[in-house]
Amino acid sequence: MLLFATLTSGAVFTTQAQSKKDSKKYEVKTKLTEKEGTYEQRKLYRQFLTEFMNNCPYISHFSIHEAIGDSDNHAVVWRYDVNGWEDITQFYNWVSKHLEHAKENGLKKALTPYLPDYAIGGQIQMEKKSKASYAKK
């Protein structure tokens, strides 16, 4: 319960940054591997992580999906929108800062599947969003 409360408490910050976040121009996909936890645990951690990452001011529309065409449900893709490479750098700096400055916080819990070393850089692919994707959001 404490984990859930911690992760959802950041919703206030999301609302304040929403106007800037909705105008992102690129879609980023990062291929990662979840190493720890049962399938059900990893699905729950994905929900917690999505809530936490949507509070980051450098990205928008964060989501996690199992890699299409991969038979291993440990393979996932993080998807989020940015304005450019600088936002990606700022995003990973933001994550690192949150991991360093708290002994136990919501982000550390949500990143449990990526233990032991939080290997969250993965394979990054960035492409310009189409005008049709703007209409969906």
Protein backbone atom coordinates (compact mmCIF):
# COMPACT_ATOMS: atom_id res chain seq x y z
CA MET A 1 0.00 0.00 0.00
CA LEU A 2 2.84 2.36 0.86
CA LEU A 3 4.42 1.74 -2.53
CA PHE A 4 1.16 2.51 -4.31
CA ALA A 5 0.66 5.70 -2.28
CA THR A 6 4.21 6.84 -3.02
CA LEU A 7 3.84 6.28 -6.73
CA THR A 8 0.47 7.95 -7.08
CA SER A 9 1.35 10.96 -4.92
CA GLY A 10 3.24 12.49 -7.85
CA ALA A 11 0.06 13.00 -9.86
CA VAL A 12 -0.02 16.64 -8.82
CA PHE A 13 3.30 17.28 -10.58
CA THR A 14 2.03 15.65 -13.76
CA THR A 15 -0.83 18.11 -14.08
CA GLN A 16 1.49 21.10 -13.71
CA ALA A 17 3.84 19.98 -16.48
CA GLN A 18 1.18 18.62 -18.82
CA SER A 19 1.04 21.58 -21.22
CA LYS A 20 4.76 21.28 -22.06
CA LYS A 21 4.69 17.51 -22.19
CA ASP A 22 1.90 17.21 -24.76
CA SER A 23 3.95 18.89 -27.50
CA LYS A 24 6.72 16.26 -27.75
CA LYS A 25 7.93 15.62 -31.32
CA TYR A 26 9.66 12.23 -31.18
CA GLU A 27 8.71 8.76 -30.05
CA VAL A 28 11.39 6.77 -28.26
CA LYS A 29 11.43 2.99 -27.89
CA THR A 30 13.93 1.32 -25.60
CA LYS A 31 14.31 -2.48 -25.57
CA LEU A 32 15.01 -3.87 -22.10
CA THR A 33 15.01 -7.16 -20.22
CA GLU A 34 13.25 -7.68 -16.92
CA LYS A 35 15.42 -10.06 -14.90
CA GLU A 36 13.68 -10.40 -11.53
CA GLY A 37 10.22 -11.52 -10.41
CA THR A 38 7.38 -13.73 -11.55
CA TYR A 39 5.30 -12.72 -14.54
CA GLU A 40 2.51 -11.39 -12.30
CA GLN A 41 4.97 -9.42 -10.15
CA ARG A 42 6.61 -7.90 -13.22
CA LYS A 43 3.21 -6.83 -14.60
CA LEU A 44 2.44 -5.08 -11.31
CA TYR A 45 5.85 -3.37 -11.28
CA ARG A 46 5.20 -2.18 -14.86
CA GLN A 47 2.06 -0.40 -13.66
CA PHE A 48 3.92 1.23 -10.76
CA LEU A 49 6.80 2.25 -13.01
CA THR A 50 4.44 3.78 -15.57
CA GLU A 51 2.81 5.90 -12.87
CA PHE A 52 6.19 7.08 -11.59
CA MET A 53 7.68 7.84 -15.02
CA ASN A 54 4.67 9.88 -16.06
CA ASN A 55 5.78 12.38 -13.40
CA CYS A 56 9.05 13.04 -15.21
CA PRO A 57 9.07 16.52 -16.80
CA TYR A 58 11.35 15.47 -19.70
CA ILE A 59 9.13 12.79 -21.24
CA SER A 60 5.44 12.15 -21.85
CA HIS A 61 3.16 9.21 -22.57
CA PHE A 62 5.43 6.62 -20.93
CA SER A 63 4.33 3.00 -21.32
CA ILE A 64 5.80 -0.51 -21.07
CA HIS A 65 4.83 -3.35 -23.38
CA GLU A 66 6.13 -6.85 -23.94
CA ALA A 67 8.30 -6.99 -27.04
CA ILE A 68 6.26 -8.04 -30.07
CA GLY A 69 7.44 -11.23 -31.71
CA ASP A 70 9.58 -12.26 -28.75
CA SER A 71 8.68 -15.53 -27.05
CA ASP A 72 10.31 -14.43 -23.77
CA ASN A 73 7.95 -12.29 -21.67
CA HIS A 74 11.02 -10.81 -19.95
CA ALA A 75 11.72 -8.74 -23.07
CA VAL A 76 9.93 -5.39 -22.86
CA VAL A 77 9.85 -2.07 -24.68
CA TRP A 78 9.64 1.28 -22.90
CA ARG A 79 7.85 3.85 -25.09
CA TYR A 80 7.76 7.59 -24.41
CA ASP A 81 7.75 10.93 -26.22
CA VAL A 82 10.49 13.60 -26.16
CA ASN A 83 11.49 16.79 -27.97
CA GLY A 84 14.99 15.52 -28.80
CA TRP A 85 18.08 13.68 -27.60
CA GLU A 86 18.62 16.22 -24.82
CA ASP A 87 15.31 15.15 -23.25
CA ILE A 88 16.47 11.53 -23.27
CA THR A 89 19.68 12.53 -21.48
CA GLN A 90 17.70 14.61 -18.98
CA PHE A 91 15.29 11.70 -18.46
CA TYR A 92 18.05 9.25 -17.56
CA ASN A 93 19.69 11.88 -15.34
CA TRP A 94 16.32 12.34 -13.60
CA VAL A 95 16.05 8.57 -13.05
CA SER A 96 19.64 8.38 -11.73
CA LYS A 97 19.01 11.26 -9.35
CA HIS A 98 15.91 9.57 -7.95
CA LEU A 99 17.79 6.31 -7.51
CA GLU A 100 20.76 7.96 -5.76
CA HIS A 101 18.97 10.26 -3.34
CA ALA A 102 16.65 7.87 -1.60
CA LYS A 103 17.42 4.69 0.27
CA GLU A 104 14.01 3.25 -0.52
CA ASN A 105 11.51 5.01 -2.75
CA GLY A 106 8.81 4.22 -5.28
CA LEU A 107 11.16 4.26 -8.25
CA LYS A 108 13.55 1.78 -6.68
CA LYS A 109 10.66 -0.57 -5.97
CA ALA A 110 9.19 -0.14 -9.45
CA LEU A 111 12.57 -0.93 -11.04
CA THR A 112 12.90 -4.22 -9.14
CA PRO A 113 12.65 -6.32 -12.35
CA TYR A 114 15.80 -4.60 -13.67
CA LEU A 115 17.98 -5.57 -10.69
CA PRO A 116 20.73 -6.11 -9.78
CA ASP A 117 22.28 -3.19 -11.69
CA TYR A 118 19.26 -1.23 -13.03
CA ALA A 119 20.40 -1.80 -16.61
CA ILE A 120 17.77 0.55 -18.04
CA GLY A 121 19.69 2.15 -20.91
CA GLY A 122 18.81 -0.61 -23.32
CA GLN A 123 18.69 -0.23 -27.09
CA ILE A 124 17.22 3.21 -27.85
CA GLN A 125 15.38 4.03 -31.08
CA MET A 126 14.00 7.53 -31.74
CA GLU A 127 11.73 8.51 -34.63
CA LYS A 128 9.71 11.57 -35.54
CA LYS A 129 6.05 11.27 -34.60
CA SER A 130 3.56 11.34 -37.45
CA LYS A 131 0.74 13.89 -37.54
CA ALA A 132 -1.71 11.00 -37.09
CA SER A 133 -0.19 10.20 -33.71
CA TYR A 134 -0.93 13.77 -32.57
CA ALA A 135 -4.60 13.26 -33.40
CA LYS A 136 -4.76 10.15 -31.19
CA LYS A 137 -3.63 12.05 -28.12
